[in-house]
Amino acid sequence: YTGTAQWDKAITALNQVINSGKYILQPNYFDNFSVANDGSSENIFVVPFDKVHIGNMNWEMQTLHYSSNLTYGLTGQPWNGFCSTADVLNKYTGTDARKAQFLVGQQYAADGVTPLTDPQANLPVIFDPNVTSLSDASLPFRMAGARNVKYHPESGTAGNQSNDMVIFRLADAYLMRAEASMHTGDVATALLDVNKVRARAGAALWTPADLTLASLLDERSREMMWEGWRRQDLIRFEVATGTPYFTGARTPAKTADGDTHTFLFPIPAPEILSNPNLHQNPGY
């Protein structure tokens, strides 16, 4: 980000965390994100929430369908929001347990038998990850995309969960050290670190031939999905390798960014209007 690579400094900092003995990989990946995840041996820094005293952890509301309250015993209807496409799901292969964070196909009530129906479209709630448009106004589009329950919904809540939101955890440290080690030529350490993460997920272990910067970026996608790092990862890998991971065109509905202006967010119009010293970032 500064324009000067500091891989060795990153490795030194990561060694202090990894070798401290204070953290170990949680045997069950999903225990890091459960309602009672405050006992995780892997989580390093979290934002604490509980449904009574510290609110606004409402991620299940932001991704699940309006009728999903019948699946998870929620006392309010979710908002039918964030979802993932088939490209994301296809990164998970074989026995990789992490794919279980996604809901696809026909959805059912809590009894596992009664199919859910969209209340407005009067259509079955079938989550289809093959999203072909981001501007489809049709009612079936309300079921587009795979939904994410990595932070497992908490029964009996109307919008606030007790899951602590994870910022840093040990698996991320291993993957960061693997990335830095690859840039310094230490392939052996990088392979060991990645395989620790993949072994916990039940995924096939990598050989040296599997370890590339592109495959490592994909592994970060699989491991860190829904944790808020993807944008930074795409930009960092692009800056380090020159491959347009972030600025390249994507389907659906994203054209190529030829001048990398999207590395920066635009400044909102109200802030520009309220402060004459602010000028919009280039490209917007």
Protein backbone atom coordinates (compact mmCIF):
# COMPACT_ATOMS: atom_id res chain seq x y z
CA TYR A 1 0.00 0.00 0.00
CA THR A 2 2.92 2.36 0.63
CA GLY A 3 4.66 1.50 -2.65
CA THR A 4 7.55 -0.20 -0.84
CA ALA A 5 7.39 -3.95 -0.22
CA GLN A 6 7.94 -4.91 3.43
CA TRP A 7 7.50 -8.69 3.32
CA ASP A 8 10.29 -9.36 5.86
CA LYS A 9 8.74 -6.97 8.38
CA ALA A 10 5.38 -8.66 7.85
CA ILE A 11 6.93 -12.08 8.52
CA THR A 12 8.58 -10.79 11.71
CA ALA A 13 5.27 -9.44 13.01
CA LEU A 14 3.40 -12.60 12.06
CA ASN A 15 5.99 -14.82 13.74
CA GLN A 16 5.37 -12.94 16.98
CA VAL A 17 1.69 -13.80 16.78
CA ILE A 18 1.99 -17.37 15.51
CA ASN A 19 4.86 -18.36 17.82
CA SER A 20 3.34 -16.72 20.91
CA GLY A 21 1.54 -19.92 21.86
CA LYS A 22 -1.59 -17.94 22.68
CA TYR A 23 -3.65 -19.14 19.72
CA ILE A 24 -4.37 -22.45 18.00
CA LEU A 25 -6.63 -23.28 15.08
CA GLN A 26 -10.12 -24.05 16.32
CA PRO A 27 -10.76 -27.69 15.28
CA ASN A 28 -14.20 -26.82 13.88
CA TYR A 29 -13.95 -23.91 11.42
CA PHE A 30 -17.50 -22.73 12.12
CA ASP A 31 -16.97 -22.50 15.89
CA ASN A 32 -15.08 -19.26 15.19
CA PHE A 33 -18.35 -17.66 14.06
CA SER A 34 -21.04 -19.38 16.12
CA VAL A 35 -23.37 -17.60 18.51
CA ALA A 36 -21.02 -18.60 21.35
CA ASN A 37 -17.79 -17.85 19.49
CA ASP A 38 -16.33 -15.85 22.39
CA GLY A 39 -14.64 -19.12 23.46
CA SER A 40 -12.67 -19.58 20.23
CA SER A 41 -8.99 -20.45 20.66
CA GLU A 42 -8.26 -19.01 17.21
CA ASN A 43 -9.84 -15.57 17.26
CA ILE A 44 -7.30 -12.86 18.09
CA PHE A 45 -9.34 -9.67 17.90
CA VAL A 46 -13.12 -9.47 17.73
CA VAL A 47 -15.89 -6.92 18.08
CA PRO A 48 -18.11 -8.23 20.90
CA PHE A 49 -21.87 -8.35 20.47
CA ASP A 50 -24.79 -9.72 22.38
CA LYS A 51 -28.43 -9.55 21.41
CA VAL A 52 -29.47 -7.66 24.56
CA HIS A 53 -26.77 -5.13 25.39
CA ILE A 54 -24.61 -4.64 22.29
CA GLY A 55 -26.66 -4.65 19.10
CA ASN A 56 -26.23 -4.22 15.35
CA MET A 57 -24.70 -7.63 14.65
CA ASN A 58 -27.47 -8.36 12.16
CA TRP A 59 -25.73 -10.19 9.33
CA GLU A 60 -28.37 -12.89 9.04
CA MET A 61 -30.90 -10.16 8.33
CA GLN A 62 -28.71 -8.72 5.57
CA THR A 63 -28.38 -11.93 3.57
CA LEU A 64 -31.34 -14.22 4.25
CA HIS A 65 -34.64 -14.18 2.35
CA TYR A 66 -37.79 -12.68 3.81
CA SER A 67 -39.12 -16.16 4.58
CA SER A 68 -35.92 -17.51 6.14
CA ASN A 69 -37.20 -16.53 9.57
CA LEU A 70 -39.25 -19.74 9.33
CA THR A 71 -36.03 -21.73 8.91
CA TYR A 72 -34.05 -20.24 11.77
CA GLY A 73 -36.74 -19.27 14.26
CA LEU A 74 -36.18 -15.52 13.87
CA THR A 75 -38.79 -13.20 15.32
CA GLY A 76 -38.53 -10.77 12.40
CA GLN A 77 -38.24 -11.07 8.63
CA PRO A 78 -34.74 -10.77 7.10
CA TRP A 79 -34.09 -8.14 4.43
CA ASN A 80 -33.09 -10.34 1.45
CA GLY A 81 -29.74 -8.74 0.70
CA PHE A 82 -26.14 -9.81 0.21
CA CYS A 83 -25.45 -12.97 -1.77
CA SER A 84 -22.69 -14.78 -3.68
CA THR A 85 -22.45 -16.02 -7.24
CA ALA A 86 -21.52 -19.40 -8.69
CA ASP A 87 -17.95 -18.17 -9.31
CA VAL A 88 -17.49 -17.94 -5.55
CA LEU A 89 -18.97 -21.34 -4.79
CA ASN A 90 -16.97 -23.04 -7.52
CA LYS A 91 -13.74 -22.15 -5.72
CA TYR A 92 -14.65 -24.81 -3.14
CA THR A 93 -14.00 -28.37 -4.30
CA GLY A 94 -14.04 -31.91 -2.96
CA THR A 95 -14.41 -32.33 0.78
CA ASP A 96 -13.88 -28.68 1.68
CA ALA A 97 -16.14 -28.16 4.72
CA ARG A 98 -16.11 -24.39 4.33
CA LYS A 99 -18.61 -24.56 1.47
CA ALA A 100 -21.30 -25.33 4.06
CA GLN A 101 -21.50 -21.61 4.87
CA PHE A 102 -23.61 -21.11 1.73
CA LEU A 103 -27.31 -21.81 1.26
CA VAL A 104 -28.30 -22.90 -2.26
CA GLY A 105 -31.33 -24.60 -3.79
CA GLN A 106 -34.78 -25.06 -2.29
CA GLN A 107 -35.10 -23.67 1.21
CA TYR A 108 -37.27 -25.22 3.91
CA ALA A 109 -38.88 -24.29 7.21
CA ALA A 110 -37.36 -25.45 10.48
CA ASP A 111 -38.98 -28.88 10.10
CA GLY A 112 -36.77 -29.54 7.05
CA VAL A 113 -39.85 -30.62 5.08
CA THR A 114 -42.03 -27.59 4.39
CA PRO A 115 -40.75 -25.63 1.36
CA LEU A 116 -40.41 -21.89 1.78
CA THR A 117 -42.38 -19.61 -0.54
CA ASP A 118 -41.69 -15.99 -1.41
CA PRO A 119 -44.66 -14.01 0.03
CA GLN A 120 -44.84 -11.51 -2.84
CA ALA A 121 -43.73 -13.53 -5.85
CA ASN A 122 -45.66 -16.64 -4.77
CA LEU A 123 -42.68 -18.70 -5.95
CA PRO A 124 -40.63 -21.32 -4.13
CA VAL A 125 -37.56 -19.92 -2.39
CA ILE A 126 -34.79 -21.52 -4.44
CA PHE A 127 -31.44 -19.79 -4.08
CA ASP A 128 -29.74 -19.86 -7.49
CA PRO A 129 -26.03 -18.91 -7.43
CA ASN A 130 -26.00 -18.43 -11.22
CA VAL A 131 -26.62 -14.67 -11.15
CA THR A 132 -26.63 -13.22 -14.67
CA SER A 133 -27.66 -9.64 -13.90
CA LEU A 134 -27.35 -7.14 -11.08
CA SER A 135 -30.29 -5.04 -12.28
CA ASP A 136 -33.00 -7.64 -12.87
CA ALA A 137 -36.33 -6.19 -11.66
CA SER A 138 -38.26 -9.46 -11.86
CA LEU A 139 -39.67 -11.11 -8.75
CA PRO A 140 -37.69 -14.34 -9.28
CA PHE A 141 -34.56 -12.20 -8.91
CA ARG A 142 -35.47 -11.95 -5.20
CA MET A 143 -34.09 -15.50 -4.89
CA ALA A 144 -30.86 -14.85 -6.83
CA GLY A 145 -27.52 -15.78 -5.33
CA ALA A 146 -26.29 -18.08 -2.57
CA ARG A 147 -26.88 -16.78 0.96
CA ASN A 148 -24.27 -16.95 3.69
CA VAL A 149 -24.77 -18.30 7.22
CA LYS A 150 -21.12 -18.41 8.31
CA TYR A 151 -22.18 -16.33 11.30
CA HIS A 152 -24.94 -18.73 12.23
CA PRO A 153 -28.34 -17.07 12.75
CA GLU A 154 -29.46 -16.92 16.37
CA SER A 155 -32.91 -18.33 17.01
CA GLY A 156 -35.34 -16.05 18.81
CA THR A 157 -33.83 -12.79 17.63
CA ALA A 158 -35.37 -10.05 15.51
CA GLY A 159 -32.18 -8.59 14.10
CA ASN A 160 -29.40 -8.65 16.69
CA GLN A 161 -27.16 -11.66 17.18
CA SER A 162 -24.71 -12.56 19.94
CA ASN A 163 -21.97 -13.75 17.57
CA ASP A 164 -18.81 -11.69 18.04
CA MET A 165 -17.55 -10.27 14.73
CA VAL A 166 -14.08 -11.57 13.91
CA ILE A 167 -11.45 -9.04 12.77
CA PHE A 168 -8.21 -11.06 13.10
CA ARG A 169 -7.74 -14.78 13.67
CA LEU A 170 -4.87 -17.25 13.49
CA ALA A 171 -5.80 -18.77 10.12
CA ASP A 172 -5.50 -15.31 8.58
CA ALA A 173 -2.05 -14.94 10.14
CA TYR A 174 -0.96 -18.25 8.57
CA LEU A 175 -2.21 -17.15 5.15
CA MET A 176 -0.57 -13.74 5.49
CA ARG A 177 2.74 -15.38 6.40
CA ALA A 178 2.38 -17.76 3.46
CA GLU A 179 1.86 -14.77 1.14
CA ALA A 180 4.86 -12.89 2.48
CA SER A 181 7.00 -16.04 2.43
CA MET A 182 6.19 -16.63 -1.23
CA HIS A 183 7.39 -13.13 -2.06
CA THR A 184 10.68 -13.76 -0.21
CA GLY A 185 11.17 -17.15 -1.88
CA ASP A 186 10.47 -19.32 1.17
CA VAL A 187 8.10 -21.75 -0.54
CA ALA A 188 8.49 -24.40 2.17
CA THR A 189 7.08 -22.18 4.92
CA ALA A 190 4.30 -20.94 2.65
CA LEU A 191 3.24 -24.50 1.82
CA LEU A 192 3.23 -25.57 5.47
CA ASP A 193 1.13 -22.58 6.48
CA VAL A 194 -1.46 -23.03 3.72
CA ASN A 195 -1.78 -26.75 4.40
CA LYS A 196 -2.46 -26.13 8.09
CA VAL A 197 -5.49 -24.09 7.04
CA ARG A 198 -6.61 -26.54 4.35
CA ALA A 199 -6.21 -29.57 6.64
CA ARG A 200 -8.54 -28.03 9.20
CA ALA A 201 -11.14 -27.53 6.42
CA GLY A 202 -10.85 -31.14 5.28
CA ALA A 203 -9.54 -29.98 1.89
CA ALA A 204 -6.86 -31.81 -0.08
CA LEU A 205 -3.33 -30.78 0.89
CA TRP A 206 -1.33 -28.85 -1.66
CA THR A 207 1.93 -29.84 -3.29
CA PRO A 208 4.53 -27.23 -4.34
CA ALA A 209 2.99 -27.24 -7.82
CA ASP A 210 -0.33 -26.04 -6.37
CA LEU A 211 1.19 -23.04 -4.64
CA THR A 212 0.99 -19.90 -6.75
CA LEU A 213 -0.01 -16.35 -5.88
CA ALA A 214 -3.24 -16.83 -7.84
CA SER A 215 -4.10 -20.02 -5.95
CA LEU A 216 -3.25 -18.36 -2.65
CA LEU A 217 -5.64 -15.53 -3.45
CA ASP A 218 -8.34 -18.13 -4.10
CA GLU A 219 -7.51 -19.82 -0.80
CA ARG A 220 -7.94 -16.53 1.02
CA SER A 221 -11.35 -16.26 -0.64
CA ARG A 222 -12.35 -19.70 0.64
CA GLU A 223 -11.04 -19.21 4.15
CA MET A 224 -11.86 -15.53 4.73
CA MET A 225 -15.23 -15.38 2.98
CA TRP A 226 -17.70 -12.99 4.66
CA GLU A 227 -14.99 -11.49 6.89
CA GLY A 228 -14.51 -8.20 5.05
CA TRP A 229 -11.06 -8.71 3.51
CA ARG A 230 -11.78 -9.47 -0.14
CA ARG A 231 -11.52 -5.93 -1.50
CA GLN A 232 -8.18 -5.32 0.23
CA ASP A 233 -6.88 -8.71 -0.89
CA LEU A 234 -7.75 -8.10 -4.53
CA ILE A 235 -6.05 -4.70 -4.52
CA ARG A 236 -2.96 -5.93 -2.67
CA PHE A 237 -2.44 -8.92 -4.96
CA GLU A 238 -2.92 -6.71 -8.00
CA VAL A 239 -0.42 -4.15 -6.75
CA ALA A 240 2.09 -6.92 -5.99
CA THR A 241 1.64 -8.95 -9.19
CA GLY A 242 0.19 -6.66 -11.83
CA THR A 243 -2.66 -9.08 -12.55
CA PRO A 244 -5.97 -7.11 -12.68
CA TYR A 245 -7.77 -9.08 -9.96
CA PHE A 246 -9.67 -6.01 -8.79
CA THR A 247 -9.74 -3.64 -11.76
CA GLY A 248 -10.51 -6.25 -14.42
CA ALA A 249 -13.96 -6.69 -15.96
CA ARG A 250 -16.26 -9.16 -14.24
CA THR A 251 -19.57 -10.75 -15.08
CA PRO A 252 -22.19 -9.64 -14.35
CA ALA A 253 -22.20 -5.88 -14.76
CA LYS A 254 -18.67 -4.67 -14.11
CA THR A 255 -16.49 -3.13 -16.79
CA ALA A 256 -12.72 -2.93 -16.58
CA ASP A 257 -11.15 -0.09 -14.63
CA GLY A 258 -8.31 1.01 -16.88
CA ASP A 259 -6.81 3.64 -14.59
CA THR A 260 -7.13 1.86 -11.19
CA HIS A 261 -9.23 4.73 -9.86
CA THR A 262 -11.50 2.25 -8.06
CA PHE A 263 -8.65 1.43 -5.68
CA LEU A 264 -10.03 4.48 -3.84
CA PHE A 265 -13.65 4.95 -2.87
CA PRO A 266 -15.49 8.07 -4.12
CA ILE A 267 -16.06 10.86 -1.61
CA PRO A 268 -19.81 11.12 -0.89
CA ALA A 269 -21.52 14.17 -2.39
CA PRO A 270 -22.80 15.56 0.95
CA GLU A 271 -19.23 15.72 2.30
CA ILE A 272 -18.00 17.53 -0.81
CA LEU A 273 -20.88 20.03 -0.59
CA SER A 274 -20.20 20.72 3.08
CA ASN A 275 -16.44 21.22 2.69
CA PRO A 276 -15.06 23.34 -0.21
CA ASN A 277 -11.56 21.99 0.47
CA LEU A 278 -12.58 18.50 -0.62
CA HIS A 279 -12.30 17.45 -4.23
CA GLN A 280 -13.66 14.23 -5.68
CA ASN A 281 -11.15 11.45 -6.22
CA PRO A 282 -10.11 11.01 -9.86
CA GLY A 283 -12.32 8.87 -12.06
CA TYR A 284 -15.67 9.58 -10.37
